[in-house]
Amino acid sequence: MMDVRYGVNPLDYRTWDTDRMRAEFMVQGAFGGGLRLTYTHIDRMIVGAAVPGAEVLMLSDGTDVGTPHFFDAREAGVANLGAGGTVTVDGAGFHLANRDILYIGRGARVVTFASDTPDTPARFYINSVPAGADHPHRLIRRAEAKPLHLGSAAKSNIRTLRMYIHPEVAPSCLLLMGITDMADGSVWNTMPPHVHERRMEAYCYFDLAPEDRVVKLVGTPDHTRSLIVADGDIVLSPAWSIHMGAGTGPYGFVWGMTGENQAYTDVLPVPVAQLR
């Protein structure tokens, strides 16, 4: 059975303490071994991870999503954040190096996950969303992603955003997915801050040192709150929530989105001076 999270409206969270904020908006322990998934009613995205050791892990049964097979009405992106490993979709194997992403289209029956070396396992991060169209499975290697070089040294936010599952790179039904890496000495991501009313987003932070954290801001622009995020933590961000954060050391993050459209520029920027 999956963990289940329910939607949050933009008024109730204002009364929550830190524990309640973390319980609603964060997914922790996904990379603790085996296959661990969380279903959120925020646009019905599923987030989680497969960390195979000596045994191969399998994702096939659709009981938790109400269909015979998991992918009967879903698509997914799988990002490898660890050592090398193979994802096999209905008998076709796809080898993922670090920072490669595999798109799995609707209709897949049996998906398995294996590490090249159990002692240094692959860390497969998964985003899955409902799909109403068929697109072929595709492995997008890091070199094939579309890079966007953003930010400035003066604002401490130089970063490279790479689009993987995106209409300009690898088409999907509704899923968008990519990876952002911060430049040395830069800490701020997703600048200028913004909201996108027609899409939710999930963030998975990785490559943080054990002593480092990311301070992720959430909430409406006029009532922001913070989450302290460690390596491997996932943050669920409703459409009404602000997107921005800063780290105490180097880090990267996988972003995944779904909603009304796939227009990456369909955002509402929020001037920093207007945040409260």
C-alpha atoms as a PDB file:
ATOM      1  CA  MET A   1       0.000   0.000   0.000  1.00  0.00           C
ATOM      2  CA  MET A   2       1.116   3.532  -0.757  1.00  0.00           C
ATOM      3  CA  ASP A   3       1.222   6.400   1.661  1.00  0.00           C
ATOM      4  CA  VAL A   4      -1.593   8.836   0.784  1.00  0.00           C
ATOM      5  CA  ARG A   5      -1.640  12.621   1.122  1.00  0.00           C
ATOM      6  CA  TYR A   6      -4.686  14.815   0.619  1.00  0.00           C
ATOM      7  CA  GLY A   7      -4.983  18.254  -0.921  1.00  0.00           C
ATOM      8  CA  VAL A   8      -4.380  21.423   1.054  1.00  0.00           C
ATOM      9  CA  ASN A   9      -6.196  24.723   0.615  1.00  0.00           C
ATOM     10  CA  PRO A  10      -4.315  28.045   0.860  1.00  0.00           C
ATOM     11  CA  LEU A  11      -5.994  29.134   4.102  1.00  0.00           C
ATOM     12  CA  ASP A  12      -5.769  26.154   6.465  1.00  0.00           C
ATOM     13  CA  TYR A  13      -1.965  25.841   6.405  1.00  0.00           C
ATOM     14  CA  ARG A  14      -1.593  29.251   8.064  1.00  0.00           C
ATOM     15  CA  THR A  15      -2.592  27.749  11.415  1.00  0.00           C
ATOM     16  CA  TRP A  16      -0.274  24.712  11.280  1.00  0.00           C
ATOM     17  CA  ASP A  17       2.826  24.110  13.347  1.00  0.00           C
ATOM     18  CA  THR A  18       6.080  22.791  11.894  1.00  0.00           C
ATOM     19  CA  ASP A  19       5.195  19.114  12.371  1.00  0.00           C
ATOM     20  CA  ARG A  20       1.898  19.503  10.519  1.00  0.00           C
ATOM     21  CA  MET A  21       3.573  21.430   7.692  1.00  0.00           C
ATOM     22  CA  ARG A  22       6.131  18.673   7.250  1.00  0.00           C
ATOM     23  CA  ALA A  23       3.496  15.933   7.423  1.00  0.00           C
ATOM     24  CA  GLU A  24       1.417  17.531   4.667  1.00  0.00           C
ATOM     25  CA  PHE A  25       4.034  18.943   2.309  1.00  0.00           C
ATOM     26  CA  MET A  26       7.066  16.656   2.711  1.00  0.00           C
ATOM     27  CA  VAL A  27       7.831  13.035   1.850  1.00  0.00           C
ATOM     28  CA  GLN A  28      10.793  11.651   3.775  1.00  0.00           C
ATOM     29  CA  GLY A  29      12.503   8.266   3.657  1.00  0.00           C
ATOM     30  CA  ALA A  30      11.681   7.474   0.019  1.00  0.00           C
ATOM     31  CA  PHE A  31      15.274   6.347  -0.606  1.00  0.00           C
ATOM     32  CA  GLY A  32      15.380   4.073   2.426  1.00  0.00           C
ATOM     33  CA  GLY A  33      15.477   0.899   0.330  1.00  0.00           C
ATOM     34  CA  GLY A  34      13.010  -1.094  -1.721  1.00  0.00           C
ATOM     35  CA  LEU A  35      10.103   0.553  -3.530  1.00  0.00           C
ATOM     36  CA  ARG A  36       8.381   3.354  -1.600  1.00  0.00           C
ATOM     37  CA  LEU A  37       5.603   5.456  -3.138  1.00  0.00           C
ATOM     38  CA  THR A  38       3.357   8.285  -1.974  1.00  0.00           C
ATOM     39  CA  TYR A  39       0.072   9.208  -3.657  1.00  0.00           C
ATOM     40  CA  THR A  40      -0.973  12.835  -3.375  1.00  0.00           C
ATOM     41  CA  HIS A  41      -4.444  14.053  -4.252  1.00  0.00           C
ATOM     42  CA  ILE A  42      -2.781  17.251  -5.500  1.00  0.00           C
ATOM     43  CA  ASP A  43      -3.331  16.488  -9.209  1.00  0.00           C
ATOM     44  CA  ARG A  44      -2.997  12.765  -8.302  1.00  0.00           C
ATOM     45  CA  MET A  45       0.756  12.680  -8.708  1.00  0.00           C
ATOM     46  CA  ILE A  46       2.662   9.736  -7.263  1.00  0.00           C
ATOM     47  CA  VAL A  47       6.192  10.372  -5.999  1.00  0.00           C
ATOM     48  CA  GLY A  48       8.689   7.941  -4.567  1.00  0.00           C
ATOM     49  CA  ALA A  49      11.797   5.921  -5.160  1.00  0.00           C
ATOM     50  CA  ALA A  50      13.105   2.480  -6.021  1.00  0.00           C
ATOM     51  CA  VAL A  51      16.463   1.586  -4.486  1.00  0.00           C
ATOM     52  CA  PRO A  52      17.216  -1.996  -5.558  1.00  0.00           C
ATOM     53  CA  GLY A  53      19.835  -3.964  -3.665  1.00  0.00           C
ATOM     54  CA  ALA A  54      20.629  -7.573  -4.527  1.00  0.00           C
ATOM     55  CA  GLU A  55      17.018  -8.202  -5.561  1.00  0.00           C
ATOM     56  CA  VAL A  56      15.177  -6.737  -8.532  1.00  0.00           C
ATOM     57  CA  LEU A  57      12.183  -4.532  -7.642  1.00  0.00           C
ATOM     58  CA  MET A  58       8.950  -4.667  -9.634  1.00  0.00           C
ATOM     59  CA  LEU A  59       6.153  -2.160 -10.281  1.00  0.00           C
ATOM     60  CA  SER A  60       3.182  -3.737 -12.026  1.00  0.00           C
ATOM     61  CA  ASP A  61       0.073  -4.145  -9.876  1.00  0.00           C
ATOM     62  CA  GLY A  62      -2.441  -1.310 -10.143  1.00  0.00           C
ATOM     63  CA  THR A  63      -4.568  -2.037  -7.085  1.00  0.00           C
ATOM     64  CA  ASP A  64      -3.601   1.217  -5.381  1.00  0.00           C
ATOM     65  CA  VAL A  65      -4.604   3.277  -8.428  1.00  0.00           C
ATOM     66  CA  GLY A  66      -7.754   1.326  -9.278  1.00  0.00           C
ATOM     67  CA  THR A  67      -6.582  -0.372 -12.487  1.00  0.00           C
ATOM     68  CA  PRO A  68      -5.313  -3.894 -13.261  1.00  0.00           C
ATOM     69  CA  HIS A  69      -1.814  -2.570 -13.961  1.00  0.00           C
ATOM     70  CA  PHE A  70      -0.090   0.486 -12.532  1.00  0.00           C
ATOM     71  CA  PHE A  71       0.430   2.092 -15.950  1.00  0.00           C
ATOM     72  CA  ASP A  72      -2.984   1.366 -17.485  1.00  0.00           C
ATOM     73  CA  ALA A  73      -3.926   5.054 -17.119  1.00  0.00           C
ATOM     74  CA  ARG A  74      -0.595   6.567 -16.030  1.00  0.00           C
ATOM     75  CA  GLU A  75       2.762   7.711 -17.335  1.00  0.00           C
ATOM     76  CA  ALA A  76       5.968   8.228 -15.353  1.00  0.00           C
ATOM     77  CA  GLY A  77       9.437   9.653 -15.301  1.00  0.00           C
ATOM     78  CA  VAL A  78      12.306   7.845 -13.561  1.00  0.00           C
ATOM     79  CA  ALA A  79      15.445   9.834 -12.698  1.00  0.00           C
ATOM     80  CA  ASN A  80      18.561   7.995 -11.555  1.00  0.00           C
ATOM     81  CA  LEU A  81      20.205   9.939  -8.722  1.00  0.00           C
ATOM     82  CA  GLY A  82      22.644   7.193  -7.744  1.00  0.00           C
ATOM     83  CA  ALA A  83      25.015   4.721  -9.345  1.00  0.00           C
ATOM     84  CA  GLY A  84      24.191   2.937 -12.589  1.00  0.00           C
ATOM     85  CA  GLY A  85      21.147   0.723 -12.920  1.00  0.00           C
ATOM     86  CA  THR A  86      18.643  -0.719 -15.361  1.00  0.00           C
ATOM     87  CA  VAL A  87      14.906  -0.148 -15.662  1.00  0.00           C
ATOM     88  CA  THR A  88      13.193  -2.824 -17.734  1.00  0.00           C
ATOM     89  CA  VAL A  89       9.805  -2.047 -19.299  1.00  0.00           C
ATOM     90  CA  ASP A  90       7.939  -5.087 -20.645  1.00  0.00           C
ATOM     91  CA  GLY A  91      11.216  -6.844 -21.403  1.00  0.00           C
ATOM     92  CA  ALA A  92      13.058  -3.856 -22.899  1.00  0.00           C
ATOM     93  CA  GLY A  93      16.020  -2.784 -20.766  1.00  0.00           C
ATOM     94  CA  PHE A  94      17.108   0.837 -20.354  1.00  0.00           C
ATOM     95  CA  HIS A  95      20.428   1.478 -18.597  1.00  0.00           C
ATOM     96  CA  LEU A  96      20.452   4.749 -16.646  1.00  0.00           C
ATOM     97  CA  ALA A  97      23.614   6.510 -15.559  1.00  0.00           C
ATOM     98  CA  ASN A  98      23.529   9.232 -12.928  1.00  0.00           C
ATOM     99  CA  ARG A  99      21.180  12.075 -13.977  1.00  0.00           C
ATOM    100  CA  ASP A 100      19.594  10.140 -16.846  1.00  0.00           C
ATOM    101  CA  ILE A 101      15.776  10.086 -16.954  1.00  0.00           C
ATOM    102  CA  LEU A 102      13.513   7.411 -18.441  1.00  0.00           C
ATOM    103  CA  TYR A 103      10.020   8.258 -19.664  1.00  0.00           C
ATOM    104  CA  ILE A 104       7.536   5.377 -19.305  1.00  0.00           C
ATOM    105  CA  GLY A 105       4.384   5.789 -21.355  1.00  0.00           C
ATOM    106  CA  ARG A 106       0.841   4.704 -20.648  1.00  0.00           C
ATOM    107  CA  GLY A 107       0.143   1.006 -21.147  1.00  0.00           C
ATOM    108  CA  ALA A 108       3.313  -0.531 -19.726  1.00  0.00           C
ATOM    109  CA  ARG A 109       2.612  -3.797 -17.921  1.00  0.00           C
ATOM    110  CA  VAL A 110       5.696  -4.824 -15.943  1.00  0.00           C
ATOM    111  CA  VAL A 111       8.462  -2.427 -14.891  1.00  0.00           C
ATOM    112  CA  THR A 112      11.484  -3.651 -12.928  1.00  0.00           C
ATOM    113  CA  PHE A 113      14.410  -1.851 -11.297  1.00  0.00           C
ATOM    114  CA  ALA A 114      17.919  -3.258 -10.820  1.00  0.00           C
ATOM    115  CA  SER A 115      21.262  -1.855  -9.670  1.00  0.00           C
ATOM    116  CA  ASP A 116      24.526  -2.577 -11.460  1.00  0.00           C
ATOM    117  CA  THR A 117      26.200  -3.132  -8.083  1.00  0.00           C
ATOM    118  CA  PRO A 118      24.057  -3.768  -4.990  1.00  0.00           C
ATOM    119  CA  ASP A 119      26.668  -2.245  -2.671  1.00  0.00           C
ATOM    120  CA  THR A 120      26.458   1.072  -4.566  1.00  0.00           C
ATOM    121  CA  PRO A 121      22.835   1.016  -5.703  1.00  0.00           C
ATOM    122  CA  ALA A 122      20.965   3.069  -8.220  1.00  0.00           C
ATOM    123  CA  ARG A 123      18.572   5.579  -6.678  1.00  0.00           C
ATOM    124  CA  PHE A 124      15.579   5.757  -8.983  1.00  0.00           C
ATOM    125  CA  TYR A 125      13.323   8.728  -8.244  1.00  0.00           C
ATOM    126  CA  ILE A 126       9.803   8.332  -9.656  1.00  0.00           C
ATOM    127  CA  ASN A 127       7.107  10.822 -10.694  1.00  0.00           C
ATOM    128  CA  SER A 128       3.878   9.335 -12.083  1.00  0.00           C
ATOM    129  CA  VAL A 129       0.732  11.183 -13.197  1.00  0.00           C
ATOM    130  CA  PRO A 130      -2.548  10.255 -14.934  1.00  0.00           C
ATOM    131  CA  ALA A 131      -2.266  10.127 -18.727  1.00  0.00           C
ATOM    132  CA  GLY A 132      -4.879  10.238 -21.463  1.00  0.00           C
ATOM    133  CA  ALA A 133      -2.593   9.647 -24.451  1.00  0.00           C
ATOM    134  CA  ASP A 134       0.049   7.137 -25.498  1.00  0.00           C
ATOM    135  CA  HIS A 135       3.683   8.141 -25.961  1.00  0.00           C
ATOM    136  CA  PRO A 136       6.604   5.766 -26.500  1.00  0.00           C
ATOM    137  CA  HIS A 137       8.997   4.896 -23.711  1.00  0.00           C
ATOM    138  CA  ARG A 138      12.226   6.852 -24.074  1.00  0.00           C
ATOM    139  CA  LEU A 139      15.540   7.143 -22.281  1.00  0.00           C
ATOM    140  CA  ILE A 140      16.788  10.742 -22.140  1.00  0.00           C
ATOM    141  CA  ARG A 141      20.439  10.928 -21.236  1.00  0.00           C
ATOM    142  CA  ARG A 142      21.842  13.982 -19.503  1.00  0.00           C
ATOM    143  CA  ALA A 143      23.575  15.101 -22.692  1.00  0.00           C
ATOM    144  CA  GLU A 144      20.265  14.971 -24.578  1.00  0.00           C
ATOM    145  CA  ALA A 145      18.371  17.225 -22.146  1.00  0.00           C
ATOM    146  CA  LYS A 146      17.792  20.858 -23.083  1.00  0.00           C
ATOM    147  CA  PRO A 147      19.862  23.109 -20.796  1.00  0.00           C
ATOM    148  CA  LEU A 148      18.821  26.579 -19.704  1.00  0.00           C
ATOM    149  CA  HIS A 149      21.533  28.661 -18.030  1.00  0.00           C
ATOM    150  CA  LEU A 150      19.923  30.985 -15.525  1.00  0.00           C
ATOM    151  CA  GLY A 151      20.761  33.505 -12.816  1.00  0.00           C
ATOM    152  CA  SER A 152      23.706  35.708 -11.940  1.00  0.00           C
ATOM    153  CA  ALA A 153      26.612  35.724  -9.521  1.00  0.00           C
ATOM    154  CA  ALA A 154      25.429  39.048  -8.100  1.00  0.00           C
ATOM    155  CA  LYS A 155      22.193  37.372  -6.976  1.00  0.00           C
ATOM    156  CA  SER A 156      23.893  34.100  -5.872  1.00  0.00           C
ATOM    157  CA  ASN A 157      21.575  32.080  -8.123  1.00  0.00           C
ATOM    158  CA  ILE A 158      23.546  30.807 -11.124  1.00  0.00           C
ATOM    159  CA  ARG A 159      22.091  27.446 -12.092  1.00  0.00           C
ATOM    160  CA  THR A 160      21.583  25.093 -15.016  1.00  0.00           C
ATOM    161  CA  LEU A 161      18.056  23.826 -15.542  1.00  0.00           C
ATOM    162  CA  ARG A 162      17.827  20.792 -17.803  1.00  0.00           C
ATOM    163  CA  MET A 163      14.526  19.832 -19.446  1.00  0.00           C
ATOM    164  CA  TYR A 164      14.154  16.089 -19.998  1.00  0.00           C
ATOM    165  CA  ILE A 165      10.460  15.199 -20.247  1.00  0.00           C
ATOM    166  CA  HIS A 166       9.248  18.245 -22.117  1.00  0.00           C
ATOM    167  CA  PRO A 167       7.579  18.841 -25.516  1.00  0.00           C
ATOM    168  CA  GLU A 168      10.878  20.165 -26.906  1.00  0.00           C
ATOM    169  CA  VAL A 169      12.835  17.051 -25.857  1.00  0.00           C
ATOM    170  CA  ALA A 170      10.677  13.992 -25.062  1.00  0.00           C
ATOM    171  CA  PRO A 171       6.894  14.397 -25.390  1.00  0.00           C
ATOM    172  CA  SER A 172       4.459  13.126 -22.780  1.00  0.00           C
ATOM    173  CA  CYS A 173       0.771  13.516 -22.043  1.00  0.00           C
ATOM    174  CA  LEU A 174       0.930  15.832 -18.996  1.00  0.00           C
ATOM    175  CA  LEU A 175       4.177  15.127 -17.140  1.00  0.00           C
ATOM    176  CA  LEU A 176       7.061  17.613 -17.185  1.00  0.00           C
ATOM    177  CA  MET A 177      10.330  16.622 -15.520  1.00  0.00           C
ATOM    178  CA  GLY A 178      13.882  17.874 -15.306  1.00  0.00           C
ATOM    179  CA  ILE A 179      16.907  18.498 -13.092  1.00  0.00           C
ATOM    180  CA  THR A 180      18.397  21.756 -11.827  1.00  0.00           C
ATOM    181  CA  ASP A 181      22.006  22.012 -10.611  1.00  0.00           C
ATOM    182  CA  MET A 182      23.397  24.998  -8.732  1.00  0.00           C
ATOM    183  CA  ALA A 183      26.722  26.554  -9.702  1.00  0.00           C
ATOM    184  CA  ASP A 184      29.536  26.665  -7.148  1.00  0.00           C
ATOM    185  CA  GLY A 185      28.870  29.493  -4.721  1.00  0.00           C
ATOM    186  CA  SER A 186      25.228  29.952  -5.692  1.00  0.00           C
ATOM    187  CA  VAL A 187      22.478  29.042  -3.246  1.00  0.00           C
ATOM    188  CA  TRP A 188      19.132  30.473  -4.439  1.00  0.00           C
ATOM    189  CA  ASN A 189      16.949  28.467  -6.809  1.00  0.00           C
ATOM    190  CA  THR A 190      13.747  29.205  -8.726  1.00  0.00           C
ATOM    191  CA  MET A 191      14.366  32.925  -9.021  1.00  0.00           C
ATOM    192  CA  PRO A 192      12.464  35.090  -9.470  1.00  0.00           C
ATOM    193  CA  PRO A 193       9.974  33.363  -7.172  1.00  0.00           C
ATOM    194  CA  HIS A 194       6.697  32.474  -8.790  1.00  0.00           C
ATOM    195  CA  VAL A 195       3.485  30.496  -8.666  1.00  0.00           C
ATOM    196  CA  HIS A 196       1.796  28.614 -11.503  1.00  0.00           C
ATOM    197  CA  GLU A 197      -1.926  28.373 -10.923  1.00  0.00           C
ATOM    198  CA  ARG A 198      -2.497  25.665 -13.520  1.00  0.00           C
ATOM    199  CA  ARG A 199       0.203  23.176 -12.453  1.00  0.00           C
ATOM    200  CA  MET A 200       1.393  21.554  -9.239  1.00  0.00           C
ATOM    201  CA  GLU A 201       5.034  20.653  -8.722  1.00  0.00           C
ATOM    202  CA  ALA A 202       7.087  18.178  -6.724  1.00  0.00           C
ATOM    203  CA  TYR A 203      10.738  18.734  -5.816  1.00  0.00           C
ATOM    204  CA  CYS A 204      13.263  16.062  -4.841  1.00  0.00           C
ATOM    205  CA  TYR A 205      16.469  17.479  -3.356  1.00  0.00           C
ATOM    206  CA  PHE A 206      19.656  15.431  -3.710  1.00  0.00           C
ATOM    207  CA  ASP A 207      23.450  15.567  -3.551  1.00  0.00           C
ATOM    208  CA  LEU A 208      23.333  17.423  -0.219  1.00  0.00           C
ATOM    209  CA  ALA A 209      26.061  16.721   2.303  1.00  0.00           C
ATOM    210  CA  PRO A 210      24.769  15.221   5.571  1.00  0.00           C
ATOM    211  CA  GLU A 211      25.318  18.485   7.415  1.00  0.00           C
ATOM    212  CA  ASP A 212      23.610  20.697   4.800  1.00  0.00           C
ATOM    213  CA  ARG A 213      19.965  21.648   4.330  1.00  0.00           C
ATOM    214  CA  VAL A 214      17.790  23.509   1.843  1.00  0.00           C
ATOM    215  CA  VAL A 215      15.352  26.082   3.211  1.00  0.00           C
ATOM    216  CA  LYS A 216      12.308  25.668   0.962  1.00  0.00           C
ATOM    217  CA  LEU A 217       9.701  28.416   1.108  1.00  0.00           C
ATOM    218  CA  VAL A 218       6.059  27.410   0.709  1.00  0.00           C
ATOM    219  CA  GLY A 219       2.700  29.122   1.050  1.00  0.00           C
ATOM    220  CA  THR A 220       1.028  32.037  -0.662  1.00  0.00           C
ATOM    221  CA  PRO A 221       3.278  34.989  -1.531  1.00  0.00           C
ATOM    222  CA  ASP A 222       1.675  37.091   1.188  1.00  0.00           C
ATOM    223  CA  HIS A 223       2.027  34.402   3.875  1.00  0.00           C
ATOM    224  CA  THR A 224       5.179  32.323   3.367  1.00  0.00           C
ATOM    225  CA  ARG A 225       6.360  29.484   5.570  1.00  0.00           C
ATOM    226  CA  SER A 226       9.541  27.386   5.474  1.00  0.00           C
ATOM    227  CA  LEU A 227      10.521  23.732   5.370  1.00  0.00           C
ATOM    228  CA  ILE A 228      14.005  22.502   6.276  1.00  0.00           C
ATOM    229  CA  VAL A 229      14.887  19.857   3.700  1.00  0.00           C
ATOM    230  CA  ALA A 230      17.634  17.203   3.791  1.00  0.00           C
ATOM    231  CA  ASP A 231      19.145  14.981   1.095  1.00  0.00           C
ATOM    232  CA  GLY A 232      16.492  12.782  -0.532  1.00  0.00           C
ATOM    233  CA  ASP A 233      13.524  14.703   0.865  1.00  0.00           C
ATOM    234  CA  ILE A 234      10.595  15.431  -1.458  1.00  0.00           C
ATOM    235  CA  VAL A 235       8.393  18.534  -1.249  1.00  0.00           C
ATOM    236  CA  LEU A 236       4.839  18.622  -2.640  1.00  0.00           C
ATOM    237  CA  SER A 237       3.909  22.064  -3.898  1.00  0.00           C
ATOM    238  CA  PRO A 238       0.255  22.927  -4.701  1.00  0.00           C
ATOM    239  CA  ALA A 239      -0.488  25.303  -7.571  1.00  0.00           C
ATOM    240  CA  TRP A 240      -1.034  28.234  -5.197  1.00  0.00           C
ATOM    241  CA  SER A 241       2.293  27.844  -3.377  1.00  0.00           C
ATOM    242  CA  ILE A 242       5.390  29.954  -3.904  1.00  0.00           C
ATOM    243  CA  HIS A 243       8.468  28.363  -5.505  1.00  0.00           C
ATOM    244  CA  MET A 244      11.861  29.401  -4.146  1.00  0.00           C
ATOM    245  CA  GLY A 245      14.536  28.227  -1.742  1.00  0.00           C
ATOM    246  CA  ALA A 246      18.183  28.404  -0.713  1.00  0.00           C
ATOM    247  CA  GLY A 247      20.763  25.874   0.437  1.00  0.00           C
ATOM    248  CA  THR A 248      23.532  25.928   3.010  1.00  0.00           C
ATOM    249  CA  GLY A 249      25.802  23.996   0.613  1.00  0.00           C
ATOM    250  CA  PRO A 250      25.843  22.426  -2.861  1.00  0.00           C
ATOM    251  CA  TYR A 251      22.673  20.639  -3.998  1.00  0.00           C
ATOM    252  CA  GLY A 252      20.553  19.694  -6.981  1.00  0.00           C
ATOM    253  CA  PHE A 253      16.875  18.949  -7.365  1.00  0.00           C
ATOM    254  CA  VAL A 254      14.518  17.088  -9.658  1.00  0.00           C
ATOM    255  CA  TRP A 255      11.373  18.987 -10.545  1.00  0.00           C
ATOM    256  CA  GLY A 256       8.231  17.296 -11.806  1.00  0.00           C
ATOM    257  CA  MET A 257       4.987  18.990 -12.823  1.00  0.00           C
ATOM    258  CA  THR A 258       1.498  18.119 -14.000  1.00  0.00           C
ATOM    259  CA  GLY A 259      -1.761  19.969 -14.398  1.00  0.00           C
ATOM    260  CA  GLU A 260      -3.748  21.847 -16.994  1.00  0.00           C
ATOM    261  CA  ASN A 261      -0.988  22.355 -19.555  1.00  0.00           C
ATOM    262  CA  GLN A 262       2.679  21.825 -20.381  1.00  0.00           C
ATOM    263  CA  ALA A 263       3.495  25.494 -21.009  1.00  0.00           C
ATOM    264  CA  TYR A 264       6.663  25.910 -18.965  1.00  0.00           C
ATOM    265  CA  THR A 265       6.374  29.716 -19.150  1.00  0.00           C
ATOM    266  CA  ASP A 266       2.795  29.729 -17.783  1.00  0.00           C
ATOM    267  CA  VAL A 267       3.905  31.230 -14.459  1.00  0.00           C
ATOM    268  CA  LEU A 268       3.169  34.305 -12.386  1.00  0.00           C
ATOM    269  CA  PRO A 269       6.420  35.898 -11.164  1.00  0.00           C
ATOM    270  CA  VAL A 270       6.329  37.440  -7.702  1.00  0.00           C
ATOM    271  CA  PRO A 271       8.742  40.307  -6.919  1.00  0.00           C
ATOM    272  CA  VAL A 272      10.855  39.495  -3.893  1.00  0.00           C
ATOM    273  CA  ALA A 273       9.886  42.811  -2.311  1.00  0.00           C
ATOM    274  CA  GLN A 274       6.234  41.701  -2.268  1.00  0.00           C
ATOM    275  CA  LEU A 275       6.855  38.510  -0.271  1.00  0.00           C
ATOM    276  CA  ARG A 276       5.696  38.368   3.319  1.00  0.00           C
END
